[in-house]
Protein backbone atom coordinates (compact mmCIF):
# COMPACT_ATOMS: atom_id res chain seq x y z
CA MET A 1 107.65 69.19 56.06
CA ASN A 2 105.09 69.69 53.56
CA THR A 3 108.12 71.86 51.53
CA PRO A 4 111.87 71.26 51.24
CA ARG A 5 113.75 74.13 52.16
CA ILE A 6 116.83 75.66 53.10
CA GLY A 7 117.91 78.97 54.86
CA HIS A 8 114.58 79.19 56.08
CA ALA A 9 113.94 80.29 59.78
CA ALA A 10 112.13 78.52 62.38
CA ILE A 11 110.77 79.43 66.17
CA LEU A 12 108.97 77.91 68.94
CA LEU A 13 105.82 79.44 69.38
CA PRO A 14 104.20 79.64 72.92
CA THR A 15 101.39 77.23 71.95
CA GLY A 16 104.07 74.59 71.61
CA GLU A 17 104.23 74.94 67.99
CA VAL A 18 107.10 75.38 65.39
CA LEU A 19 106.69 78.17 62.78
CA ILE A 20 108.83 77.25 59.83
CA ALA A 21 108.93 80.16 57.18
CA GLY A 22 110.42 81.00 54.11
CA GLY A 23 113.91 79.57 52.67
CA THR A 24 114.63 78.18 48.82
CA ASP A 25 113.29 74.92 47.84
CA SER A 26 115.14 71.92 45.98
CA THR A 27 114.47 73.87 42.50
CA GLY A 28 116.12 77.22 43.87
CA ASN A 29 113.00 79.10 44.15
CA TYR A 30 112.72 81.52 46.92
CA LEU A 31 109.86 81.18 49.61
CA ALA A 32 106.98 83.06 51.08
CA SER A 33 105.39 80.04 52.32
CA ALA A 34 105.37 78.74 56.12
CA GLU A 35 104.20 75.93 57.87
CA LEU A 36 103.82 74.70 61.57
CA TYR A 37 104.64 71.50 63.28
CA ASN A 38 102.63 70.35 65.97
CA PRO A 39 104.70 67.87 68.36
CA SER A 40 101.74 66.51 69.53
CA THR A 41 100.47 64.98 66.24
CA GLY A 42 104.02 64.87 64.59
CA THR A 43 102.42 66.56 61.74
CA PHE A 44 103.14 69.86 59.51
CA THR A 45 100.57 72.10 58.35
CA PRO A 46 100.34 75.15 56.21
CA THR A 47 99.65 78.45 57.46
CA GLY A 48 99.64 81.82 56.02
CA SER A 49 102.54 83.09 53.74
CA MET A 50 104.61 85.97 54.03
CA HIS A 51 104.26 88.90 52.07
CA THR A 52 108.10 88.55 50.72
CA THR A 53 109.85 85.78 49.66
CA ARG A 54 113.04 85.30 51.88
CA GLU A 55 115.88 83.32 53.34
CA PHE A 56 118.82 83.86 55.45
CA PHE A 57 116.74 86.41 57.56
CA THR A 58 115.53 86.53 61.07
CA ALA A 59 112.48 85.26 63.14
CA THR A 60 112.28 86.52 66.33
CA LEU A 61 109.76 85.61 68.97
CA LEU A 62 108.39 89.19 70.94
CA ALA A 63 106.96 89.43 73.85
CA ASN A 64 103.10 89.44 72.82
CA GLY A 65 103.26 86.11 71.16
CA GLU A 66 103.77 87.54 67.41
CA VAL A 67 106.78 86.46 65.23
CA LEU A 68 109.19 89.02 63.74
CA GLY A 69 110.56 88.24 60.48
CA ALA A 70 113.31 90.65 59.20
CA GLY A 71 115.42 91.36 56.38
CA GLY A 72 116.97 87.95 54.32
CA GLN A 73 117.37 87.97 50.61
CA ASN A 74 115.40 86.81 47.53
CA SER A 75 117.94 87.59 44.84
CA ASN A 76 121.04 86.01 43.19
CA LEU A 77 122.21 90.05 42.83
CA VAL A 78 125.29 91.10 44.03
CA PHE A 79 123.82 92.90 46.87
CA PRO A 80 120.07 91.18 47.27
CA TYR A 81 119.52 92.14 50.77
CA ILE A 82 115.99 92.82 51.66
CA SER A 83 114.54 95.70 54.42
CA THR A 84 111.29 94.59 54.88
CA ALA A 85 110.01 92.98 57.99
CA GLU A 86 106.99 91.35 58.84
CA LEU A 87 104.78 90.18 61.86
CA TYR A 88 103.41 86.79 62.35
CA ASN A 89 100.27 86.49 64.58
CA PRO A 90 99.93 82.61 65.69
CA ALA A 91 96.32 83.31 66.56
CA THR A 92 94.69 84.17 63.00
CA GLY A 93 97.68 82.32 60.97
CA LYS A 94 98.63 85.62 59.13
CA TRP A 95 101.78 87.82 58.29
CA SER A 96 101.37 91.34 58.37
CA THR A 97 104.09 94.22 57.03
CA THR A 98 105.31 96.42 59.71
CA GLY A 99 108.16 98.84 59.52
CA SER A 100 111.26 98.34 57.05
CA LEU A 101 114.64 98.06 58.24
CA ASN A 102 117.00 101.00 57.79
CA THR A 103 119.48 98.86 56.08
CA GLY A 104 118.91 95.92 54.35
CA ARG A 105 120.26 93.02 55.64
CA TYR A 106 120.73 88.87 55.92
CA ASN A 107 122.75 86.35 57.87
CA HIS A 108 122.16 89.23 60.87
CA THR A 109 120.91 88.49 64.00
CA ALA A 110 117.93 89.62 65.91
CA THR A 111 118.00 89.40 70.01
CA LEU A 112 114.64 90.40 71.90
CA LEU A 113 116.10 92.60 74.51
CA SER A 114 114.73 92.92 78.10
CA ASN A 115 112.76 96.57 77.19
CA GLY A 116 110.99 94.40 74.67
CA GLN A 117 112.73 96.25 71.88
CA VAL A 118 114.90 93.69 69.06
CA LEU A 119 118.42 94.12 68.47
CA ILE A 120 119.21 93.40 64.84
CA VAL A 121 122.99 93.57 64.21
CA GLY A 122 125.27 93.23 61.23
CA GLY A 123 124.71 90.71 58.50
CA GLY A 124 125.31 91.07 54.64
CA VAL A 125 128.94 91.04 53.55
CA HIS A 126 130.29 92.81 56.61
CA LEU A 127 127.58 95.33 58.04
CA ALA A 128 128.58 97.21 61.22
CA SER A 129 125.43 98.64 61.62
CA THR A 130 122.70 97.70 64.27
CA GLU A 131 118.97 98.70 64.57
CA LEU A 132 116.59 98.43 67.43
CA TYR A 133 112.61 97.15 66.55
CA SER A 134 110.11 98.91 68.79
CA PRO A 135 107.17 96.68 68.57
CA ALA A 136 105.16 99.18 70.13
CA SER A 137 105.42 101.55 67.49
CA GLY A 138 106.45 99.21 64.28
CA THR A 139 109.52 100.86 63.50
CA PHE A 140 113.42 100.55 63.01
CA SER A 141 115.53 102.79 64.38
CA VAL A 142 119.43 103.40 63.82
CA ALA A 143 121.32 102.30 66.72
CA ALA A 144 125.00 102.26 67.60
CA ASN A 145 127.80 100.79 65.09
CA LEU A 146 129.72 97.79 66.20
CA ASN A 147 133.35 98.38 65.93
CA THR A 148 134.00 95.88 63.30
CA GLY A 149 131.39 94.65 60.45
CA ARG A 150 130.29 91.27 60.90
CA THR A 151 128.08 88.33 59.41
CA ASP A 152 127.73 84.69 60.45
CA HIS A 153 127.87 85.87 63.75
CA ALA A 154 125.97 85.19 67.11
CA THR A 155 124.18 87.29 69.80
CA VAL A 156 123.17 86.70 72.86
CA LEU A 157 121.44 88.40 75.55
CA LEU A 158 122.86 88.60 79.00
CA THR A 159 121.40 88.19 82.43
CA ASN A 160 122.63 91.92 82.79
CA GLY A 161 120.34 93.32 79.71
CA GLU A 162 123.57 93.66 77.69
CA ALA A 163 123.81 91.85 74.33
CA LEU A 164 127.10 90.30 73.48
CA THR A 165 127.76 89.84 69.91
CA MET A 166 130.76 87.20 68.88
CA GLY A 167 132.46 86.01 65.92
CA GLY A 168 131.51 85.74 62.52
CA TYR A 169 133.60 86.87 59.58
CA ASP A 170 134.25 90.23 58.39
CA GLY A 171 134.38 90.50 54.35
CA SER A 172 135.54 94.11 53.86
CA GLY A 173 138.19 94.66 51.44
CA GLY A 174 137.25 91.63 49.60
CA ASN A 175 139.22 89.52 52.03
CA ILE A 176 137.07 87.19 54.48
CA GLY A 177 138.55 87.02 57.63
CA TYR A 178 137.20 85.01 60.61
CA LEU A 179 136.83 87.09 63.82
CA SER A 180 137.49 85.71 67.28
CA SER A 181 136.39 89.25 68.54
CA ALA A 182 133.56 90.03 70.59
CA GLU A 183 131.29 93.08 71.60
CA LEU A 184 129.03 94.50 73.98
CA PHE A 185 125.74 96.33 73.22
CA HIS A 186 124.52 98.38 76.23
């Protein structure tokens, strides 16, 4: 890569290229830069930078080929969660702002649902909240809460259209409890 980074996002684009964005560099600086990996040539080239530096955010490929980058963190403060979101357009190589999350979060999941919306689940230390992003309106709306707050979990879309969220940990009360529980979003 052109820039060493950790805590970044990477996603396969419909063109076959891989978008790599954000993270933190080797000196601890939060990054807004992005680059594309071309598997045909084995090269990385810079592309448009995000409007906000961020790490531990989600990147979700939308049905229209754009990428939704949401949440993350960019501060060493106690609660540095970001609520902003942006869209990457592969045709122009540029990012544009879109609606903001209702709750700032990082280490959350973002899952494209069969109806084209994106389900945002948990994050932070132990968030139980979920949200839905509508690409049509560019807005986030509050969805049903989880039964258990969780971060560093996984969410997958099932063939029946439900989303299964599992594992992670719950840091409520200052205790970190690793979770074996799972929940379904209908």
